[in-house]
Amino acid sequence: MVAYTQNELVSATEISKQFGEYISKVKNGVVDKIGVLKNNKLNAIILSVDEYENMVETINAMEDIQIYEEIKDRLNTPKDKYLDGEQVLKDLNISLDD
């Protein structure tokens, strides 16, 4: 779970009143993130564009690594463990002719 400091948690009402100020705090690095609270529950996070893009790039890289590892594992599968595609379709009562 991500930890938040007191100055990183703001009510939705307060955000609506001083939106520009909070955006500036995130953009200028005064805070890393702003947690928006509604009914005392964390509802949303405001991040800088750079932080968001970095996060997305990291997630994409992790997905690429997982795909690479899966391919590497499959390349090491002995041929006697291969499944026949036609038999799998038949076992599942699936036809490609439909």
N, C-alpha and C. Protein backbone atom coordinates (compact mmCIF):
# COMPACT_ATOMS: atom_id res chain seq x y z
N MET A 1 0.84 -1.19 0.00
CA MET A 1 0.00 0.00 0.00
C MET A 1 0.88 1.24 0.00
N VAL A 2 0.46 2.24 -0.71
CA VAL A 2 1.20 3.50 -0.82
C VAL A 2 0.91 4.36 0.41
N ALA A 3 1.95 4.97 0.95
CA ALA A 3 1.79 5.85 2.11
C ALA A 3 1.61 7.30 1.63
N TYR A 4 0.84 8.03 2.38
CA TYR A 4 0.57 9.43 2.07
C TYR A 4 0.91 10.29 3.28
N THR A 5 1.52 11.44 3.03
CA THR A 5 1.74 12.40 4.11
C THR A 5 0.48 13.23 4.28
N GLN A 6 0.41 13.94 5.37
CA GLN A 6 -0.77 14.77 5.66
C GLN A 6 -1.04 15.78 4.55
N ASN A 7 0.02 16.37 3.99
CA ASN A 7 -0.18 17.40 2.95
C ASN A 7 -0.47 16.80 1.57
N GLU A 8 -0.50 15.45 1.47
CA GLU A 8 -0.84 14.81 0.20
C GLU A 8 -2.29 14.33 0.16
N LEU A 9 -3.03 14.52 1.23
CA LEU A 9 -4.43 14.11 1.27
C LEU A 9 -5.32 15.34 1.36
N VAL A 10 -6.26 15.44 0.42
CA VAL A 10 -7.12 16.62 0.34
C VAL A 10 -8.53 16.17 0.02
N SER A 11 -9.51 16.84 0.61
CA SER A 11 -10.91 16.50 0.32
C SER A 11 -11.28 16.95 -1.09
N ALA A 12 -12.25 16.28 -1.66
CA ALA A 12 -12.73 16.63 -2.99
C ALA A 12 -13.25 18.07 -3.01
N THR A 13 -13.87 18.48 -1.92
CA THR A 13 -14.39 19.85 -1.82
C THR A 13 -13.25 20.85 -1.89
N GLU A 14 -12.19 20.58 -1.13
CA GLU A 14 -11.03 21.48 -1.12
C GLU A 14 -10.36 21.51 -2.50
N ILE A 15 -10.26 20.36 -3.15
CA ILE A 15 -9.68 20.31 -4.50
C ILE A 15 -10.49 21.18 -5.45
N SER A 16 -11.81 21.08 -5.37
CA SER A 16 -12.66 21.86 -6.29
C SER A 16 -12.51 23.36 -6.06
N LYS A 17 -12.22 23.75 -4.82
CA LYS A 17 -12.08 25.18 -4.51
C LYS A 17 -10.72 25.74 -4.94
N GLN A 18 -9.68 24.89 -4.87
CA GLN A 18 -8.32 25.37 -5.14
C GLN A 18 -7.58 24.44 -6.08
N PHE A 19 -8.27 24.04 -7.15
CA PHE A 19 -7.72 23.06 -8.08
C PHE A 19 -6.37 23.50 -8.63
N GLY A 20 -6.27 24.71 -9.11
CA GLY A 20 -5.02 25.21 -9.70
C GLY A 20 -3.86 25.14 -8.75
N GLU A 21 -4.09 25.47 -7.49
CA GLU A 21 -3.03 25.44 -6.49
C GLU A 21 -2.49 24.02 -6.30
N TYR A 22 -3.39 23.04 -6.24
CA TYR A 22 -2.95 21.66 -6.03
C TYR A 22 -2.26 21.09 -7.27
N ILE A 23 -2.74 21.47 -8.45
CA ILE A 23 -2.07 21.05 -9.68
C ILE A 23 -0.65 21.61 -9.71
N SER A 24 -0.49 22.87 -9.32
CA SER A 24 0.83 23.50 -9.29
C SER A 24 1.76 22.78 -8.31
N LYS A 25 1.24 22.38 -7.15
CA LYS A 25 2.06 21.66 -6.17
C LYS A 25 2.61 20.36 -6.75
N VAL A 26 1.78 19.64 -7.48
CA VAL A 26 2.22 18.39 -8.09
C VAL A 26 3.19 18.68 -9.23
N LYS A 27 2.83 19.62 -10.08
CA LYS A 27 3.66 19.95 -11.25
C LYS A 27 5.04 20.44 -10.83
N ASN A 28 5.11 21.24 -9.78
CA ASN A 28 6.38 21.83 -9.34
C ASN A 28 7.15 20.94 -8.36
N GLY A 29 6.63 19.77 -8.07
CA GLY A 29 7.35 18.82 -7.22
C GLY A 29 7.27 19.10 -5.73
N VAL A 30 6.36 19.99 -5.32
CA VAL A 30 6.19 20.25 -3.88
C VAL A 30 5.71 18.98 -3.19
N VAL A 31 4.82 18.25 -3.88
CA VAL A 31 4.37 16.93 -3.42
C VAL A 31 4.45 15.98 -4.62
N ASP A 32 4.62 14.69 -4.35
CA ASP A 32 4.69 13.70 -5.43
C ASP A 32 3.32 13.38 -6.00
N LYS A 33 2.33 13.46 -5.12
CA LYS A 33 0.97 13.07 -5.51
C LYS A 33 -0.01 13.75 -4.57
N ILE A 34 -1.26 13.82 -5.01
CA ILE A 34 -2.34 14.32 -4.16
C ILE A 34 -3.41 13.24 -4.13
N GLY A 35 -3.74 12.78 -2.95
CA GLY A 35 -4.83 11.83 -2.78
C GLY A 35 -6.12 12.59 -2.54
N VAL A 36 -7.12 12.35 -3.36
CA VAL A 36 -8.40 13.05 -3.24
C VAL A 36 -9.35 12.19 -2.43
N LEU A 37 -9.83 12.76 -1.32
CA LEU A 37 -10.73 12.06 -0.42
C LEU A 37 -12.17 12.47 -0.64
N LYS A 38 -13.05 11.50 -0.66
CA LYS A 38 -14.48 11.77 -0.70
C LYS A 38 -15.11 10.90 0.38
N ASN A 39 -15.84 11.52 1.28
CA ASN A 39 -16.40 10.81 2.44
C ASN A 39 -15.31 10.08 3.21
N ASN A 40 -14.17 10.75 3.36
CA ASN A 40 -13.00 10.24 4.09
C ASN A 40 -12.42 8.96 3.50
N LYS A 41 -12.68 8.68 2.23
CA LYS A 41 -12.10 7.53 1.55
C LYS A 41 -11.31 8.03 0.34
N LEU A 42 -10.14 7.41 0.14
CA LEU A 42 -9.31 7.77 -1.00
C LEU A 42 -10.04 7.39 -2.28
N ASN A 43 -10.29 8.38 -3.14
CA ASN A 43 -11.09 8.17 -4.34
C ASN A 43 -10.28 8.31 -5.63
N ALA A 44 -9.26 9.16 -5.62
CA ALA A 44 -8.49 9.41 -6.84
C ALA A 44 -7.12 9.96 -6.45
N ILE A 45 -6.22 9.91 -7.42
CA ILE A 45 -4.86 10.43 -7.21
C ILE A 45 -4.55 11.41 -8.33
N ILE A 46 -3.94 12.50 -7.97
CA ILE A 46 -3.46 13.47 -8.96
C ILE A 46 -1.94 13.32 -9.02
N LEU A 47 -1.44 13.04 -10.22
CA LEU A 47 0.00 12.88 -10.46
C LEU A 47 0.45 13.86 -11.52
N SER A 48 1.74 14.13 -11.55
CA SER A 48 2.29 14.92 -12.64
C SER A 48 2.26 14.07 -13.91
N VAL A 49 2.29 14.72 -15.06
CA VAL A 49 2.32 14.02 -16.34
C VAL A 49 3.56 13.13 -16.41
N ASP A 50 4.70 13.65 -15.99
CA ASP A 50 5.95 12.87 -16.03
C ASP A 50 5.83 11.61 -15.18
N GLU A 51 5.28 11.75 -13.99
CA GLU A 51 5.14 10.60 -13.09
C GLU A 51 4.19 9.56 -13.67
N TYR A 52 3.08 10.02 -14.23
CA TYR A 52 2.11 9.11 -14.84
C TYR A 52 2.73 8.37 -16.02
N GLU A 53 3.41 9.10 -16.90
CA GLU A 53 4.03 8.46 -18.07
C GLU A 53 5.11 7.48 -17.65
N ASN A 54 5.88 7.82 -16.63
CA ASN A 54 6.90 6.91 -16.11
C ASN A 54 6.25 5.63 -15.58
N MET A 55 5.14 5.78 -14.88
CA MET A 55 4.42 4.64 -14.33
C MET A 55 3.91 3.74 -15.45
N VAL A 56 3.32 4.32 -16.48
CA VAL A 56 2.81 3.54 -17.61
C VAL A 56 3.94 2.82 -18.33
N GLU A 57 5.05 3.51 -18.55
CA GLU A 57 6.21 2.89 -19.21
C GLU A 57 6.75 1.72 -18.38
N THR A 58 6.76 1.87 -17.07
CA THR A 58 7.23 0.79 -16.19
C THR A 58 6.30 -0.41 -16.28
N ILE A 59 5.01 -0.17 -16.26
CA ILE A 59 4.03 -1.26 -16.37
C ILE A 59 4.20 -1.97 -17.71
N ASN A 60 4.34 -1.20 -18.79
CA ASN A 60 4.53 -1.81 -20.11
C ASN A 60 5.80 -2.65 -20.17
N ALA A 61 6.87 -2.15 -19.56
CA ALA A 61 8.13 -2.90 -19.56
C ALA A 61 7.98 -4.20 -18.76
N MET A 62 7.26 -4.15 -17.66
CA MET A 62 7.04 -5.35 -16.86
C MET A 62 6.21 -6.37 -17.64
N GLU A 63 5.22 -5.91 -18.38
CA GLU A 63 4.42 -6.81 -19.21
C GLU A 63 5.29 -7.44 -20.30
N ASP A 64 6.17 -6.65 -20.90
CA ASP A 64 7.08 -7.18 -21.93
C ASP A 64 7.98 -8.26 -21.34
N ILE A 65 8.48 -8.04 -20.13
CA ILE A 65 9.34 -9.04 -19.47
C ILE A 65 8.55 -10.32 -19.21
N GLN A 66 7.30 -10.19 -18.77
CA GLN A 66 6.48 -11.37 -18.53
C GLN A 66 6.24 -12.15 -19.82
N ILE A 67 5.97 -11.45 -20.91
CA ILE A 67 5.76 -12.11 -22.21
C ILE A 67 7.05 -12.80 -22.64
N TYR A 68 8.18 -12.14 -22.49
CA TYR A 68 9.47 -12.72 -22.85
C TYR A 68 9.71 -14.00 -22.05
N GLU A 69 9.46 -13.96 -20.75
CA GLU A 69 9.67 -15.14 -19.90
C GLU A 69 8.75 -16.29 -20.31
N GLU A 70 7.52 -15.97 -20.67
CA GLU A 70 6.57 -17.00 -21.11
C GLU A 70 7.04 -17.64 -22.41
N ILE A 71 7.51 -16.82 -23.35
CA ILE A 71 8.02 -17.34 -24.62
C ILE A 71 9.25 -18.22 -24.37
N LYS A 72 10.14 -17.75 -23.50
CA LYS A 72 11.35 -18.53 -23.18
C LYS A 72 10.96 -19.89 -22.58
N ASP A 73 10.00 -19.90 -21.67
CA ASP A 73 9.53 -21.16 -21.08
C ASP A 73 8.94 -22.08 -22.14
N ARG A 74 8.15 -21.51 -23.04
CA ARG A 74 7.51 -22.33 -24.07
C ARG A 74 8.53 -22.90 -25.05
N LEU A 75 9.58 -22.15 -25.33
CA LEU A 75 10.61 -22.65 -26.23
C LEU A 75 11.34 -23.85 -25.63
N ASN A 76 11.32 -23.97 -24.33
CA ASN A 76 11.97 -25.09 -23.65
C ASN A 76 11.03 -26.28 -23.42
N THR A 77 9.80 -26.17 -23.91
CA THR A 77 8.84 -27.27 -23.76
C THR A 77 9.21 -28.40 -24.71
N PRO A 78 9.36 -29.62 -24.18
CA PRO A 78 9.67 -30.75 -25.06
C PRO A 78 8.54 -31.00 -26.06
N LYS A 79 8.89 -31.42 -27.26
CA LYS A 79 7.88 -31.62 -28.32
C LYS A 79 6.81 -32.62 -27.92
N ASP A 80 7.15 -33.58 -27.07
CA ASP A 80 6.13 -34.56 -26.67
C ASP A 80 5.06 -33.95 -25.76
N LYS A 81 5.29 -32.72 -25.29
CA LYS A 81 4.31 -32.03 -24.44
C LYS A 81 3.42 -31.08 -25.26
N TYR A 82 3.71 -30.93 -26.54
CA TYR A 82 2.90 -30.06 -27.41
C TYR A 82 1.48 -30.60 -27.49
N LEU A 83 0.53 -29.70 -27.66
CA LEU A 83 -0.87 -30.07 -27.86
C LEU A 83 -1.21 -29.92 -29.33
N ASP A 84 -2.03 -30.84 -29.83
CA ASP A 84 -2.50 -30.76 -31.20
C ASP A 84 -3.68 -29.79 -31.24
N GLY A 85 -3.54 -28.72 -32.02
CA GLY A 85 -4.57 -27.69 -32.09
C GLY A 85 -5.93 -28.22 -32.51
N GLU A 86 -5.95 -29.07 -33.52
CA GLU A 86 -7.22 -29.64 -33.99
C GLU A 86 -7.88 -30.48 -32.91
N GLN A 87 -7.09 -31.22 -32.15
CA GLN A 87 -7.65 -32.06 -31.09
C GLN A 87 -8.20 -31.18 -29.96
N VAL A 88 -7.52 -30.13 -29.64
CA VAL A 88 -8.01 -29.22 -28.58
C VAL A 88 -9.35 -28.62 -29.00
N LEU A 89 -9.45 -28.15 -30.25
CA LEU A 89 -10.72 -27.61 -30.74
C LEU A 89 -11.83 -28.64 -30.68
N LYS A 90 -11.50 -29.86 -31.09
CA LYS A 90 -12.48 -30.96 -31.07
C LYS A 90 -12.92 -31.25 -29.62
N ASP A 91 -11.97 -31.32 -28.70
CA ASP A 91 -12.28 -31.58 -27.28
C ASP A 91 -13.18 -30.50 -26.69
N LEU A 92 -13.03 -29.28 -27.17
CA LEU A 92 -13.83 -28.15 -26.66
C LEU A 92 -15.09 -27.89 -27.50
N ASN A 93 -15.33 -28.76 -28.48
CA ASN A 93 -16.50 -28.61 -29.38
C ASN A 93 -16.50 -27.24 -30.06
N ILE A 94 -15.33 -26.85 -30.55
CA ILE A 94 -15.19 -25.58 -31.25
C ILE A 94 -14.85 -25.88 -32.72
N SER A 95 -15.53 -25.14 -33.61
CA SER A 95 -15.25 -25.30 -35.03
C SER A 95 -14.81 -23.96 -35.59
N LEU A 96 -13.80 -23.98 -36.41
CA LEU A 96 -13.34 -22.74 -37.06
C LEU A 96 -14.11 -22.47 -38.35
N ASP A 97 -15.01 -23.38 -38.72
CA ASP A 97 -15.76 -23.23 -39.95
C ASP A 97 -16.99 -22.34 -39.79
N ASP A 98 -17.38 -22.02 -38.57
CA ASP A 98 -18.61 -21.23 -38.34
C ASP A 98 -18.47 -19.79 -38.73
